[in-house]
């Protein structure tokens, strides 16, 4: 599906969150900064993230113009800051990396954000995008259909908290998958 050498090369081309957010227009940078300021990890989420022991590189296909990206990518940065030695997200502009985006289409589309979880050898582990379950539930409740939310439109606090929980849970799920991998357990002697 996605060879480790290809994913490693993409990871090497990708950039950290702050550098990526800075590639947006001034207005986009304001949207991303406002969303980043809204994110709060709970004490329990921080505790769980602090227990991570496996390195987990993460590739994020995104667009600074995208409202879902502006709302969700800051969450990924908060998760990474809570587990800095083990969670390493790097960001790529989808439109500049179509060779990867074409290989991880969601429901036939070039959706963003698309988050690709990798193991320490840059092997494919999991993919999640373009919205978490709580985001889809909130959209369905409002009957928004397939429209992308307007960047800068502030979502309700409970929706932000639910989305933060979804992402924290997904990072925990991937970490447990990596911790329980027979190949990695043998390598690390645990």
N, C-alpha and C. Protein backbone atom coordinates (compact mmCIF):
# COMPACT_ATOMS: atom_id res chain seq x y z
N UNK A 1 0.83 -1.19 0.00
CA UNK A 1 0.00 0.00 0.00
C UNK A 1 0.88 1.26 0.00
N UNK A 2 1.52 1.53 1.12
CA UNK A 2 2.39 2.70 1.25
C UNK A 2 3.74 2.22 1.78
N UNK A 3 4.74 2.08 0.92
CA UNK A 3 6.04 1.56 1.36
C UNK A 3 6.71 2.48 2.38
N UNK A 4 7.39 1.90 3.38
CA UNK A 4 8.07 2.71 4.38
C UNK A 4 9.05 3.73 3.79
N UNK A 5 9.77 3.36 2.73
CA UNK A 5 10.74 4.31 2.15
C UNK A 5 10.02 5.54 1.59
N UNK A 6 8.86 5.34 0.98
CA UNK A 6 8.07 6.46 0.46
C UNK A 6 7.58 7.33 1.61
N UNK A 7 7.07 6.70 2.67
CA UNK A 7 6.56 7.46 3.82
C UNK A 7 7.70 8.20 4.53
N UNK A 8 8.86 7.57 4.63
CA UNK A 8 10.02 8.21 5.25
C UNK A 8 10.43 9.45 4.45
N UNK A 9 10.44 9.31 3.13
CA UNK A 9 10.80 10.45 2.28
C UNK A 9 9.79 11.59 2.45
N UNK A 10 8.52 11.26 2.55
CA UNK A 10 7.49 12.28 2.76
C UNK A 10 7.66 12.93 4.13
N UNK A 11 7.95 12.12 5.15
CA UNK A 11 8.16 12.65 6.49
C UNK A 11 9.33 13.63 6.49
N UNK A 12 10.39 13.28 5.77
CA UNK A 12 11.57 14.15 5.71
C UNK A 12 11.26 15.48 5.01
N UNK A 13 10.27 15.49 4.13
CA UNK A 13 9.87 16.72 3.43
C UNK A 13 8.88 17.55 4.25
N UNK A 14 8.24 16.92 5.21
CA UNK A 14 7.19 17.59 5.99
C UNK A 14 7.81 18.51 7.04
N UNK A 15 6.96 19.41 7.56
CA UNK A 15 7.46 20.40 8.52
C UNK A 15 6.64 20.37 9.81
N UNK A 16 7.23 20.83 10.92
CA UNK A 16 6.51 20.86 12.20
C UNK A 16 5.31 21.83 12.14
N UNK A 17 4.45 21.69 13.13
CA UNK A 17 3.20 22.44 13.19
C UNK A 17 3.40 23.95 13.05
N UNK A 18 4.25 24.54 13.89
CA UNK A 18 4.40 26.00 13.89
C UNK A 18 4.84 26.51 12.52
N UNK A 19 5.80 25.82 11.91
CA UNK A 19 6.28 26.23 10.59
C UNK A 19 5.17 26.09 9.55
N UNK A 20 4.39 25.01 9.67
CA UNK A 20 3.29 24.80 8.72
C UNK A 20 2.22 25.88 8.87
N UNK A 21 1.79 26.14 10.09
CA UNK A 21 0.75 27.15 10.32
C UNK A 21 1.20 28.51 9.79
N UNK A 22 2.49 28.77 9.86
CA UNK A 22 3.03 30.05 9.39
C UNK A 22 3.01 30.19 7.87
N UNK A 23 2.73 29.09 7.14
CA UNK A 23 2.67 29.18 5.68
C UNK A 23 1.35 29.75 5.20
N UNK A 24 0.38 29.88 6.07
CA UNK A 24 -0.92 30.43 5.68
C UNK A 24 -0.88 31.93 5.50
N UNK A 25 -1.94 32.45 4.93
CA UNK A 25 -2.08 33.90 4.82
C UNK A 25 -2.24 34.47 6.23
N UNK A 26 -2.09 35.78 6.40
CA UNK A 26 -2.30 36.35 7.74
C UNK A 26 -3.68 35.99 8.32
N UNK A 27 -4.71 36.00 7.49
CA UNK A 27 -6.04 35.64 7.98
C UNK A 27 -6.09 34.17 8.41
N UNK A 28 -5.52 33.29 7.60
CA UNK A 28 -5.48 31.87 7.95
C UNK A 28 -4.68 31.65 9.23
N UNK A 29 -3.59 32.36 9.38
CA UNK A 29 -2.79 32.23 10.61
C UNK A 29 -3.61 32.65 11.82
N UNK A 30 -4.45 33.65 11.70
CA UNK A 30 -5.33 34.06 12.82
C UNK A 30 -6.32 32.94 13.14
N UNK A 31 -6.90 32.30 12.11
CA UNK A 31 -7.84 31.19 12.35
C UNK A 31 -7.16 30.07 13.11
N UNK A 32 -5.96 29.70 12.65
CA UNK A 32 -5.23 28.61 13.28
C UNK A 32 -4.84 28.96 14.71
N UNK A 33 -4.41 30.19 14.94
CA UNK A 33 -4.02 30.62 16.29
C UNK A 33 -5.23 30.62 17.22
N UNK A 34 -6.38 31.08 16.74
CA UNK A 34 -7.59 31.09 17.57
C UNK A 34 -8.01 29.67 17.92
N UNK A 35 -7.94 28.76 16.95
CA UNK A 35 -8.29 27.36 17.22
C UNK A 35 -7.31 26.74 18.21
N UNK A 36 -6.02 27.04 18.04
CA UNK A 36 -5.00 26.50 18.95
C UNK A 36 -5.28 26.95 20.38
N UNK A 37 -5.69 28.20 20.55
CA UNK A 37 -5.97 28.74 21.88
C UNK A 37 -7.20 28.10 22.52
N UNK A 38 -8.11 27.56 21.72
CA UNK A 38 -9.32 26.92 22.25
C UNK A 38 -9.07 25.50 22.76
N UNK A 39 -8.01 24.87 22.32
CA UNK A 39 -7.76 23.47 22.65
C UNK A 39 -7.29 23.34 24.09
N UNK A 40 -7.91 22.42 24.81
CA UNK A 40 -7.52 22.10 26.18
C UNK A 40 -7.52 20.58 26.34
N UNK A 41 -6.37 20.03 26.65
CA UNK A 41 -6.32 18.61 27.01
C UNK A 41 -6.70 18.50 28.48
N UNK A 42 -7.46 17.47 28.82
CA UNK A 42 -7.81 17.25 30.22
C UNK A 42 -6.59 16.69 30.95
N UNK A 43 -6.64 16.71 32.26
CA UNK A 43 -5.56 16.14 33.06
C UNK A 43 -5.41 14.65 32.75
N UNK A 44 -6.52 13.96 32.57
CA UNK A 44 -6.46 12.52 32.25
C UNK A 44 -5.84 12.29 30.87
N UNK A 45 -6.19 13.10 29.91
CA UNK A 45 -5.58 12.96 28.58
C UNK A 45 -4.08 13.21 28.65
N UNK A 46 -3.66 14.22 29.40
CA UNK A 46 -2.23 14.49 29.57
C UNK A 46 -1.53 13.31 30.26
N UNK A 47 -2.19 12.75 31.27
CA UNK A 47 -1.61 11.61 31.99
C UNK A 47 -1.40 10.44 31.04
N UNK A 48 -2.41 10.12 30.24
CA UNK A 48 -2.31 9.00 29.30
C UNK A 48 -1.21 9.26 28.26
N UNK A 49 -1.19 10.45 27.71
CA UNK A 49 -0.18 10.77 26.70
C UNK A 49 1.23 10.70 27.27
N UNK A 50 1.39 11.02 28.54
CA UNK A 50 2.71 10.96 29.18
C UNK A 50 3.21 9.53 29.36
N UNK A 51 2.32 8.54 29.23
CA UNK A 51 2.73 7.14 29.38
C UNK A 51 3.26 6.54 28.08
N UNK A 52 3.18 7.26 26.98
CA UNK A 52 3.61 6.70 25.70
C UNK A 52 5.09 6.35 25.74
N UNK A 53 5.44 5.21 25.15
CA UNK A 53 6.83 4.77 25.11
C UNK A 53 7.33 4.50 23.70
N UNK A 54 6.44 4.31 22.74
CA UNK A 54 6.85 4.03 21.36
C UNK A 54 6.87 5.32 20.54
N UNK A 55 7.89 5.42 19.71
CA UNK A 55 7.97 6.55 18.78
C UNK A 55 6.87 6.38 17.73
N UNK A 56 6.16 7.46 17.46
CA UNK A 56 5.07 7.42 16.50
C UNK A 56 5.14 8.63 15.57
N UNK A 57 5.89 8.51 14.47
CA UNK A 57 5.86 9.58 13.48
C UNK A 57 4.45 9.67 12.89
N UNK A 58 4.02 10.87 12.59
CA UNK A 58 2.67 11.10 12.07
C UNK A 58 2.77 12.08 10.90
N UNK A 59 2.22 11.68 9.76
CA UNK A 59 2.15 12.58 8.61
C UNK A 59 0.75 13.15 8.53
N UNK A 60 0.65 14.46 8.35
CA UNK A 60 -0.65 15.13 8.26
C UNK A 60 -0.74 15.86 6.93
N UNK A 61 -1.65 15.40 6.08
CA UNK A 61 -1.97 16.13 4.85
C UNK A 61 -3.00 17.17 5.20
N UNK A 62 -2.75 18.40 4.84
CA UNK A 62 -3.59 19.49 5.30
C UNK A 62 -3.65 20.59 4.25
N UNK A 63 -4.41 21.61 4.57
CA UNK A 63 -4.47 22.84 3.79
C UNK A 63 -4.73 23.98 4.75
N UNK A 64 -3.92 25.00 4.71
CA UNK A 64 -4.12 26.11 5.65
C UNK A 64 -5.43 26.84 5.39
N UNK A 65 -6.01 26.65 4.22
CA UNK A 65 -7.28 27.26 3.81
C UNK A 65 -8.49 26.52 4.35
N UNK A 66 -8.30 25.33 4.90
CA UNK A 66 -9.40 24.43 5.27
C UNK A 66 -9.85 24.66 6.71
N UNK A 67 -11.15 24.87 6.89
CA UNK A 67 -11.70 25.07 8.23
C UNK A 67 -11.53 23.87 9.14
N UNK A 68 -11.75 22.65 8.61
CA UNK A 68 -11.55 21.45 9.43
C UNK A 68 -10.09 21.33 9.87
N UNK A 69 -9.17 21.67 8.98
CA UNK A 69 -7.75 21.63 9.33
C UNK A 69 -7.43 22.66 10.41
N UNK A 70 -7.97 23.87 10.24
CA UNK A 70 -7.73 24.93 11.22
C UNK A 70 -8.27 24.54 12.59
N UNK A 71 -9.37 23.79 12.62
CA UNK A 71 -9.95 23.37 13.90
C UNK A 71 -9.26 22.15 14.50
N UNK A 72 -8.79 21.21 13.66
CA UNK A 72 -8.30 19.94 14.18
C UNK A 72 -6.78 19.84 14.28
N UNK A 73 -6.04 20.43 13.35
CA UNK A 73 -4.58 20.31 13.41
C UNK A 73 -3.98 20.89 14.68
N UNK A 74 -4.52 21.98 15.23
CA UNK A 74 -3.99 22.45 16.52
C UNK A 74 -4.13 21.40 17.63
N UNK A 75 -5.14 20.56 17.55
CA UNK A 75 -5.30 19.48 18.53
C UNK A 75 -4.10 18.54 18.43
N UNK A 76 -3.70 18.22 17.21
CA UNK A 76 -2.56 17.32 17.01
C UNK A 76 -1.30 17.92 17.62
N UNK A 77 -1.15 19.23 17.49
CA UNK A 77 0.00 19.90 18.10
C UNK A 77 -0.04 19.79 19.62
N UNK A 78 -1.20 19.97 20.21
CA UNK A 78 -1.31 19.84 21.68
C UNK A 78 -0.98 18.42 22.12
N UNK A 79 -1.45 17.43 21.37
CA UNK A 79 -1.13 16.03 21.70
C UNK A 79 0.38 15.83 21.63
N UNK A 80 1.01 16.33 20.58
CA UNK A 80 2.46 16.17 20.42
C UNK A 80 3.22 16.85 21.55
N UNK A 81 2.76 18.01 21.98
CA UNK A 81 3.44 18.72 23.07
C UNK A 81 3.29 17.97 24.40
N UNK A 82 2.23 17.18 24.53
CA UNK A 82 2.02 16.40 25.76
C UNK A 82 2.83 15.10 25.74
N UNK A 83 3.29 14.68 24.57
CA UNK A 83 4.11 13.46 24.45
C UNK A 83 5.26 13.74 23.48
N UNK A 84 6.12 14.72 23.81
CA UNK A 84 7.10 15.22 22.84
C UNK A 84 8.15 14.21 22.40
N UNK A 85 8.45 13.23 23.21
CA UNK A 85 9.47 12.26 22.84
C UNK A 85 8.92 11.11 22.02
N UNK A 86 7.60 11.05 21.86
CA UNK A 86 7.01 9.89 21.22
C UNK A 86 6.04 10.19 20.09
N UNK A 87 5.44 11.34 20.08
CA UNK A 87 4.50 11.72 19.01
C UNK A 87 5.15 12.83 18.19
N UNK A 88 5.36 12.55 16.91
CA UNK A 88 6.05 13.52 16.05
C UNK A 88 5.23 13.82 14.79
N UNK A 89 4.25 14.70 14.89
CA UNK A 89 3.50 15.03 13.68
C UNK A 89 4.29 15.99 12.79
N UNK A 90 4.19 15.75 11.50
CA UNK A 90 4.77 16.64 10.51
C UNK A 90 3.70 16.89 9.45
N UNK A 91 3.69 18.10 8.93
CA UNK A 91 2.60 18.56 8.08
C UNK A 91 3.06 18.77 6.64
N UNK A 92 2.17 18.37 5.72
CA UNK A 92 2.39 18.55 4.29
C UNK A 92 1.16 19.22 3.69
N UNK A 93 1.38 20.13 2.78
CA UNK A 93 0.27 20.72 2.04
C UNK A 93 -0.22 19.68 1.03
N UNK A 94 -1.49 19.33 1.13
CA UNK A 94 -2.06 18.30 0.27
C UNK A 94 -1.82 18.59 -1.20
N UNK A 95 -2.03 19.82 -1.62
CA UNK A 95 -1.96 20.15 -3.04
C UNK A 95 -0.53 20.10 -3.58
N UNK A 96 0.45 20.15 -2.71
CA UNK A 96 1.85 20.04 -3.13
C UNK A 96 2.37 18.61 -3.03
N UNK A 97 1.56 17.74 -2.45
CA UNK A 97 1.98 16.34 -2.26
C UNK A 97 0.87 15.40 -2.72
N UNK A 98 0.42 15.63 -3.95
CA UNK A 98 -0.66 14.81 -4.50
C UNK A 98 -0.26 13.36 -4.67
N UNK A 99 1.05 13.08 -4.80
CA UNK A 99 1.49 11.69 -4.92
C UNK A 99 1.15 10.90 -3.67
N UNK A 100 1.13 11.54 -2.52
CA UNK A 100 0.68 10.89 -1.28
C UNK A 100 -0.83 10.99 -1.14
N UNK A 101 -1.38 12.16 -1.36
CA UNK A 101 -2.83 12.38 -1.18
C UNK A 101 -3.65 11.42 -2.04
N UNK A 102 -3.20 11.16 -3.26
CA UNK A 102 -3.92 10.24 -4.15
C UNK A 102 -3.96 8.83 -3.58
N UNK A 103 -2.98 8.48 -2.75
CA UNK A 103 -2.89 7.12 -2.21
C UNK A 103 -3.66 6.94 -0.91
N UNK A 104 -4.15 8.04 -0.35
CA UNK A 104 -4.91 7.95 0.91
C UNK A 104 -6.26 8.67 0.78
N UNK A 105 -6.89 8.51 -0.35
CA UNK A 105 -8.21 9.11 -0.56
C UNK A 105 -9.18 8.58 0.49
N UNK A 106 -10.09 9.43 0.92
CA UNK A 106 -11.13 9.04 1.87
C UNK A 106 -12.46 9.19 1.16
N UNK A 107 -13.19 8.10 1.08
CA UNK A 107 -14.48 8.08 0.38
C UNK A 107 -14.32 8.64 -1.04
N UNK A 108 -13.19 8.32 -1.66
CA UNK A 108 -12.92 8.72 -3.03
C UNK A 108 -12.42 10.14 -3.19
N UNK A 109 -12.30 10.89 -2.10
CA UNK A 109 -11.92 12.30 -2.20
C UNK A 109 -10.54 12.58 -1.63
N UNK A 110 -10.00 13.71 -2.04
CA UNK A 110 -8.72 14.20 -1.51
C UNK A 110 -9.01 15.04 -0.28
N UNK A 111 -9.40 14.38 0.79
CA UNK A 111 -9.87 15.06 2.00
C UNK A 111 -8.72 15.53 2.88
N UNK A 112 -8.97 16.59 3.61
CA UNK A 112 -8.03 17.08 4.61
C UNK A 112 -8.80 17.49 5.85
N UNK A 113 -8.21 17.36 7.03
CA UNK A 113 -6.91 16.74 7.23
C UNK A 113 -6.99 15.22 7.11
N UNK A 114 -5.92 14.64 6.61
CA UNK A 114 -5.74 13.19 6.60
C UNK A 114 -4.49 12.91 7.42
N UNK A 115 -4.65 12.13 8.47
CA UNK A 115 -3.57 11.86 9.42
C UNK A 115 -3.12 10.42 9.24
N UNK A 116 -1.84 10.24 8.94
CA UNK A 116 -1.27 8.92 8.69
C UNK A 116 -0.33 8.59 9.83
N UNK A 117 -0.69 7.58 10.61
CA UNK A 117 0.11 7.14 11.75
C UNK A 117 1.12 6.10 11.27
N UNK A 118 2.37 6.25 11.72
CA UNK A 118 3.47 5.38 11.29
C UNK A 118 4.13 4.75 12.51
N UNK A 119 4.85 3.65 12.27
CA UNK A 119 5.66 3.09 13.34
C UNK A 119 7.07 3.68 13.25
N UNK A 120 7.94 3.28 14.14
CA UNK A 120 9.28 3.86 14.21
C UNK A 120 10.11 3.59 12.96
N UNK A 121 9.70 2.60 12.15
CA UNK A 121 10.39 2.28 10.90
C UNK A 121 9.69 2.93 9.70
N UNK A 122 8.74 3.80 9.98
CA UNK A 122 7.95 4.50 8.97
C UNK A 122 7.02 3.56 8.20
N UNK A 123 6.68 2.44 8.85
CA UNK A 123 5.67 1.56 8.30
C UNK A 123 4.28 2.12 8.59
N UNK A 124 3.37 1.92 7.66
CA UNK A 124 1.99 2.38 7.82
C UNK A 124 1.33 1.64 8.97
N UNK A 125 0.65 2.39 9.85
CA UNK A 125 -0.10 1.80 10.96
C UNK A 125 -1.59 2.05 10.80
N UNK A 126 -1.96 3.31 10.57
CA UNK A 126 -3.38 3.68 10.57
C UNK A 126 -3.55 5.01 9.86
N UNK A 127 -4.78 5.29 9.46
CA UNK A 127 -5.10 6.59 8.87
C UNK A 127 -6.44 7.06 9.43
N UNK A 128 -6.54 8.36 9.69
CA UNK A 128 -7.81 8.95 10.15
C UNK A 128 -7.98 10.29 9.46
N UNK A 129 -9.15 10.52 8.99
CA UNK A 129 -9.45 11.79 8.35
C UNK A 129 -10.85 11.71 7.78
N UNK A 130 -11.35 12.70 7.39
CA UNK A 130 -11.02 14.09 7.47
C UNK A 130 -11.66 14.73 8.70
N UNK A 131 -12.51 13.96 9.33
CA UNK A 131 -13.15 14.42 10.57
C UNK A 131 -13.26 13.24 11.52
N UNK A 132 -13.26 13.55 12.81
CA UNK A 132 -13.46 12.51 13.81
C UNK A 132 -14.95 12.20 13.94
N UNK A 133 -15.26 11.16 14.67
CA UNK A 133 -16.65 10.76 14.87
C UNK A 133 -17.47 11.88 15.50
N UNK A 134 -16.93 12.54 16.50
CA UNK A 134 -17.71 13.62 17.15
C UNK A 134 -17.98 14.77 16.18
N UNK A 135 -17.02 15.06 15.30
CA UNK A 135 -17.25 16.12 14.29
C UNK A 135 -18.38 15.72 13.35
N UNK A 136 -18.36 14.46 12.91
CA UNK A 136 -19.44 14.01 12.02
C UNK A 136 -20.78 14.01 12.74
N UNK A 137 -20.79 13.60 13.99
CA UNK A 137 -22.06 13.62 14.75
C UNK A 137 -22.60 15.04 14.87
N UNK A 138 -21.72 16.00 15.17
CA UNK A 138 -22.16 17.39 15.29
C UNK A 138 -22.67 17.92 13.95
N UNK A 139 -21.99 17.57 12.88
CA UNK A 139 -22.45 18.00 11.56
C UNK A 139 -23.80 17.40 11.23
N UNK A 140 -23.96 16.12 11.52
CA UNK A 140 -25.23 15.46 11.24
C UNK A 140 -26.35 16.09 12.05
N UNK A 141 -26.06 16.43 13.31
CA UNK A 141 -27.09 17.04 14.17
C UNK A 141 -27.52 18.40 13.62
N UNK A 142 -26.61 19.10 12.98
CA UNK A 142 -26.93 20.41 12.40
C UNK A 142 -27.36 20.31 10.95
N UNK A 143 -27.30 19.11 10.41
CA UNK A 143 -27.67 18.86 9.01
C UNK A 143 -26.90 19.76 8.05
N UNK A 144 -25.59 19.79 8.25
CA UNK A 144 -24.76 20.64 7.40
C UNK A 144 -24.43 20.02 6.05
N UNK A 145 -24.60 18.73 5.93
CA UNK A 145 -24.24 18.09 4.67
C UNK A 145 -22.73 18.05 4.50
N UNK A 146 -22.29 18.12 3.26
CA UNK A 146 -20.88 17.95 2.95
C UNK A 146 -20.08 19.23 2.91
N UNK A 147 -20.65 20.35 3.31
CA UNK A 147 -19.93 21.62 3.24
C UNK A 147 -18.82 21.68 4.27
N UNK A 148 -17.72 22.24 3.86
CA UNK A 148 -16.59 22.45 4.77
C UNK A 148 -16.91 23.66 5.63
N UNK A 149 -16.73 23.57 6.96
CA UNK A 149 -17.03 24.73 7.80
C UNK A 149 -16.16 25.92 7.42
N UNK A 150 -16.70 27.06 7.59
CA UNK A 150 -15.97 28.29 7.29
C UNK A 150 -14.83 28.46 8.27
N UNK A 151 -13.61 28.64 7.78
CA UNK A 151 -12.52 28.90 8.71
C UNK A 151 -12.82 30.15 9.53
N UNK A 152 -12.49 30.08 10.80
CA UNK A 152 -12.72 31.22 11.68
C UNK A 152 -14.05 31.17 12.41
N UNK A 153 -14.98 30.31 11.96
CA UNK A 153 -16.25 30.17 12.66
C UNK A 153 -16.01 29.31 13.89
N UNK A 154 -16.18 29.88 15.06
CA UNK A 154 -15.84 29.19 16.30
C UNK A 154 -16.88 28.11 16.62
N UNK A 155 -16.43 26.85 16.75
CA UNK A 155 -17.36 25.78 17.13
C UNK A 155 -17.68 25.85 18.62
N UNK A 156 -18.80 25.25 19.03
CA UNK A 156 -19.14 25.23 20.45
C UNK A 156 -18.05 24.52 21.27
N UNK A 157 -17.87 24.95 22.51
CA UNK A 157 -16.81 24.40 23.37
C UNK A 157 -16.95 22.89 23.56
N UNK A 158 -18.19 22.40 23.70
CA UNK A 158 -18.36 20.96 23.90
C UNK A 158 -17.96 20.18 22.65
N UNK A 159 -18.16 20.76 21.48
CA UNK A 159 -17.74 20.11 20.25
C UNK A 159 -16.21 20.07 20.15
N UNK A 160 -15.55 21.14 20.55
CA UNK A 160 -14.09 21.17 20.57
C UNK A 160 -13.57 20.11 21.53
N UNK A 161 -14.15 20.05 22.73
CA UNK A 161 -13.71 19.06 23.73
C UNK A 161 -13.91 17.63 23.23
N UNK A 162 -15.02 17.38 22.56
CA UNK A 162 -15.28 16.04 22.02
C UNK A 162 -14.27 15.69 20.93
N UNK A 163 -13.94 16.65 20.10
CA UNK A 163 -12.96 16.42 19.04
C UNK A 163 -11.57 16.18 19.63
N UNK A 164 -11.21 16.94 20.66
CA UNK A 164 -9.94 16.73 21.36
C UNK A 164 -9.90 15.30 21.92
N UNK A 165 -11.00 14.87 22.53
CA UNK A 165 -11.06 13.52 23.10
C UNK A 165 -10.92 12.47 22.00
N UNK A 166 -11.58 12.68 20.87
CA UNK A 166 -11.45 11.73 19.75
C UNK A 166 -10.00 11.58 19.32
N UNK A 167 -9.31 12.71 19.13
CA UNK A 167 -7.92 12.64 18.68
C UNK A 167 -7.02 12.04 19.75
N UNK A 168 -7.20 12.42 21.01
CA UNK A 168 -6.39 11.84 22.08
C UNK A 168 -6.60 10.33 22.15
N UNK A 169 -7.84 9.89 22.00
CA UNK A 169 -8.14 8.45 22.00
C UNK A 169 -7.48 7.74 20.82
N UNK A 170 -7.48 8.38 19.65
CA UNK A 170 -6.86 7.75 18.48
C UNK A 170 -5.36 7.63 18.66
N UNK A 171 -4.73 8.65 19.20
CA UNK A 171 -3.29 8.55 19.48
C UNK A 171 -3.02 7.45 20.51
N UNK A 172 -3.87 7.33 21.52
CA UNK A 172 -3.71 6.25 22.50
C UNK A 172 -3.90 4.89 21.83
N UNK A 173 -4.91 4.76 20.96
CA UNK A 173 -5.15 3.49 20.27
C UNK A 173 -3.93 3.09 19.45
N UNK A 174 -3.36 4.03 18.72
CA UNK A 174 -2.18 3.73 17.91
C UNK A 174 -0.99 3.38 18.81
N UNK A 175 -0.83 4.10 19.92
CA UNK A 175 0.27 3.80 20.84
C UNK A 175 0.14 2.39 21.40
N UNK A 176 -1.08 2.00 21.79
CA UNK A 176 -1.29 0.65 22.31
C UNK A 176 -1.05 -0.40 21.22
N UNK A 177 -1.45 -0.10 20.00
CA UNK A 177 -1.19 -1.01 18.88
C UNK A 177 0.32 -1.20 18.73
N UNK A 178 1.08 -0.10 18.82
CA UNK A 178 2.54 -0.19 18.71
C UNK A 178 3.15 -0.91 19.92
N UNK A 179 2.63 -0.64 21.11
CA UNK A 179 3.15 -1.30 22.32
C UNK A 179 2.90 -2.80 22.30
N UNK A 180 1.79 -3.24 21.71
CA UNK A 180 1.44 -4.65 21.70
C UNK A 180 1.91 -5.39 20.45
N UNK A 181 2.56 -4.69 19.54
CA UNK A 181 3.08 -5.31 18.32
C UNK A 181 4.15 -6.33 18.69
N UNK A 182 3.96 -7.62 18.34
CA UNK A 182 4.98 -8.62 18.65
C UNK A 182 6.36 -8.24 18.09
N UNK A 183 6.40 -7.70 16.89
CA UNK A 183 7.67 -7.31 16.28
C UNK A 183 8.38 -6.24 17.10
N UNK A 184 7.63 -5.22 17.52
CA UNK A 184 8.25 -4.14 18.30
C UNK A 184 8.53 -4.57 19.73
N UNK A 185 7.70 -5.44 20.29
CA UNK A 185 7.98 -5.93 21.66
C UNK A 185 9.28 -6.73 21.67
N UNK A 186 9.48 -7.54 20.64
CA UNK A 186 10.72 -8.31 20.57
C UNK A 186 11.92 -7.38 20.42
N UNK A 187 11.78 -6.38 19.55
CA UNK A 187 12.88 -5.43 19.33
C UNK A 187 13.25 -4.69 20.60
N UNK A 188 12.23 -4.27 21.38
CA UNK A 188 12.47 -3.45 22.57
C UNK A 188 12.56 -4.26 23.86
N UNK A 189 12.40 -5.57 23.77
CA UNK A 189 12.52 -6.42 24.96
C UNK A 189 11.46 -6.16 26.00
N UNK A 190 10.26 -5.82 25.55
CA UNK A 190 9.19 -5.60 26.52
C UNK A 190 7.94 -6.36 26.13
